[in-house]
Amino acid sequence: MAATLELKSLSIPERLLLVEDIWDSIEEEQHALADHPSVIGEIRARKNKFISNPSSGISWEVAKERIRNGLA
């Protein structure tokens, strides 16, 4: 609670710089974060599906278009 009050005493630009510094420190150490087992499982399943049926995939261009149009 005290830390929150101290943060509110900083100006908005100062708080934004602090957030940026925190984000940068997380980015530098992101390799230390373990991947969630369900994410790893999904990636493996999709890879196996594609290997067994390459025509099941779509191009990156098509994927981007679907994402931009909210169809993904």
C-alpha atoms as a PDB file:
ATOM      1  CA  MET A   1       0.000   0.000   0.000  1.00  0.00           C
ATOM      2  CA  ALA A   2       2.815   2.396   0.848  1.00  0.00           C
ATOM      3  CA  ALA A   3       4.508   1.664  -2.469  1.00  0.00           C
ATOM      4  CA  THR A   4       1.304   2.606  -4.308  1.00  0.00           C
ATOM      5  CA  LEU A   5       1.173   5.940  -2.520  1.00  0.00           C
ATOM      6  CA  GLU A   6       4.816   6.567  -3.360  1.00  0.00           C
ATOM      7  CA  LEU A   7       4.163   5.753  -7.023  1.00  0.00           C
ATOM      8  CA  LYS A   8       1.289   8.220  -7.133  1.00  0.00           C
ATOM      9  CA  SER A   9       3.665  10.943  -6.002  1.00  0.00           C
ATOM     10  CA  LEU A  10       5.588  10.508  -9.264  1.00  0.00           C
ATOM     11  CA  SER A  11       4.520  12.416 -12.343  1.00  0.00           C
ATOM     12  CA  ILE A  12       2.910  10.471 -15.179  1.00  0.00           C
ATOM     13  CA  PRO A  13       6.054  10.729 -17.347  1.00  0.00           C
ATOM     14  CA  GLU A  14       8.134   9.410 -14.430  1.00  0.00           C
ATOM     15  CA  ARG A  15       5.733   6.491 -13.905  1.00  0.00           C
ATOM     16  CA  LEU A  16       5.800   5.693 -17.626  1.00  0.00           C
ATOM     17  CA  LEU A  17       9.601   5.579 -17.531  1.00  0.00           C
ATOM     18  CA  LEU A  18       9.392   3.255 -14.535  1.00  0.00           C
ATOM     19  CA  VAL A  19       6.983   0.948 -16.380  1.00  0.00           C
ATOM     20  CA  GLU A  20       9.294   0.983 -19.387  1.00  0.00           C
ATOM     21  CA  ASP A  21      12.264   0.062 -17.197  1.00  0.00           C
ATOM     22  CA  ILE A  22      10.307  -2.777 -15.585  1.00  0.00           C
ATOM     23  CA  TRP A  23       9.180  -4.081 -18.993  1.00  0.00           C
ATOM     24  CA  ASP A  24      12.758  -3.941 -20.299  1.00  0.00           C
ATOM     25  CA  SER A  25      13.995  -5.899 -17.272  1.00  0.00           C
ATOM     26  CA  ILE A  26      11.341  -8.579 -17.875  1.00  0.00           C
ATOM     27  CA  GLU A  27      12.214  -8.766 -21.562  1.00  0.00           C
ATOM     28  CA  GLU A  28      15.887  -9.277 -20.711  1.00  0.00           C
ATOM     29  CA  GLU A  29      15.010 -12.253 -18.513  1.00  0.00           C
ATOM     30  CA  GLN A  30      12.075 -13.741 -20.421  1.00  0.00           C
ATOM     31  CA  HIS A  31      14.123 -16.858 -21.179  1.00  0.00           C
ATOM     32  CA  ALA A  32      13.747 -17.703 -17.473  1.00  0.00           C
ATOM     33  CA  LEU A  33       9.969 -18.070 -17.851  1.00  0.00           C
ATOM     34  CA  ALA A  34       8.854 -21.642 -18.351  1.00  0.00           C
ATOM     35  CA  ASP A  35       6.461 -22.342 -21.207  1.00  0.00           C
ATOM     36  CA  HIS A  36       3.079 -23.589 -20.060  1.00  0.00           C
ATOM     37  CA  PRO A  37       2.637 -27.312 -20.776  1.00  0.00           C
ATOM     38  CA  SER A  38      -0.677 -26.749 -22.551  1.00  0.00           C
ATOM     39  CA  VAL A  39       0.973 -24.264 -24.933  1.00  0.00           C
ATOM     40  CA  ILE A  40       3.765 -26.724 -25.699  1.00  0.00           C
ATOM     41  CA  GLY A  41       1.161 -29.456 -26.270  1.00  0.00           C
ATOM     42  CA  GLU A  42      -0.819 -27.290 -28.680  1.00  0.00           C
ATOM     43  CA  ILE A  43       2.289 -26.348 -30.652  1.00  0.00           C
ATOM     44  CA  ARG A  44       3.295 -29.999 -30.956  1.00  0.00           C
ATOM     45  CA  ALA A  45      -0.216 -31.026 -32.031  1.00  0.00           C
ATOM     46  CA  ARG A  46      -0.320 -28.336 -34.717  1.00  0.00           C
ATOM     47  CA  LYS A  47       3.142 -29.291 -35.955  1.00  0.00           C
ATOM     48  CA  ASN A  48       2.165 -32.959 -36.159  1.00  0.00           C
ATOM     49  CA  LYS A  49      -1.054 -32.083 -38.000  1.00  0.00           C
ATOM     50  CA  PHE A  50       0.886 -30.052 -40.533  1.00  0.00           C
ATOM     51  CA  ILE A  51       3.565 -32.727 -40.992  1.00  0.00           C
ATOM     52  CA  SER A  52       0.918 -35.377 -41.633  1.00  0.00           C
ATOM     53  CA  ASN A  53      -1.119 -33.092 -43.918  1.00  0.00           C
ATOM     54  CA  PRO A  54       0.839 -30.076 -45.276  1.00  0.00           C
ATOM     55  CA  SER A  55      -2.210 -28.820 -47.167  1.00  0.00           C
ATOM     56  CA  SER A  56      -3.920 -28.193 -43.807  1.00  0.00           C
ATOM     57  CA  GLY A  57      -1.759 -25.091 -43.354  1.00  0.00           C
ATOM     58  CA  ILE A  58      -2.241 -21.590 -44.722  1.00  0.00           C
ATOM     59  CA  SER A  59       0.290 -19.018 -45.856  1.00  0.00           C
ATOM     60  CA  TRP A  60       1.492 -16.261 -43.575  1.00  0.00           C
ATOM     61  CA  GLU A  61      -0.185 -13.724 -45.886  1.00  0.00           C
ATOM     62  CA  VAL A  62      -3.555 -15.463 -45.523  1.00  0.00           C
ATOM     63  CA  ALA A  63      -3.084 -15.745 -41.756  1.00  0.00           C
ATOM     64  CA  LYS A  64      -2.307 -12.008 -41.451  1.00  0.00           C
ATOM     65  CA  GLU A  65      -5.355 -11.130 -43.537  1.00  0.00           C
ATOM     66  CA  ARG A  66      -7.601 -13.291 -41.365  1.00  0.00           C
ATOM     67  CA  ILE A  67      -6.205 -11.746 -38.204  1.00  0.00           C
ATOM     68  CA  ARG A  68      -6.696  -8.225 -39.560  1.00  0.00           C
ATOM     69  CA  ASN A  69     -10.273  -9.045 -40.521  1.00  0.00           C
ATOM     70  CA  GLY A  70     -11.048 -10.711 -37.206  1.00  0.00           C
ATOM     71  CA  LEU A  71     -11.533 -14.106 -38.832  1.00  0.00           C
ATOM     72  CA  ALA A  72      -8.745 -15.950 -37.045  1.00  0.00           C
END
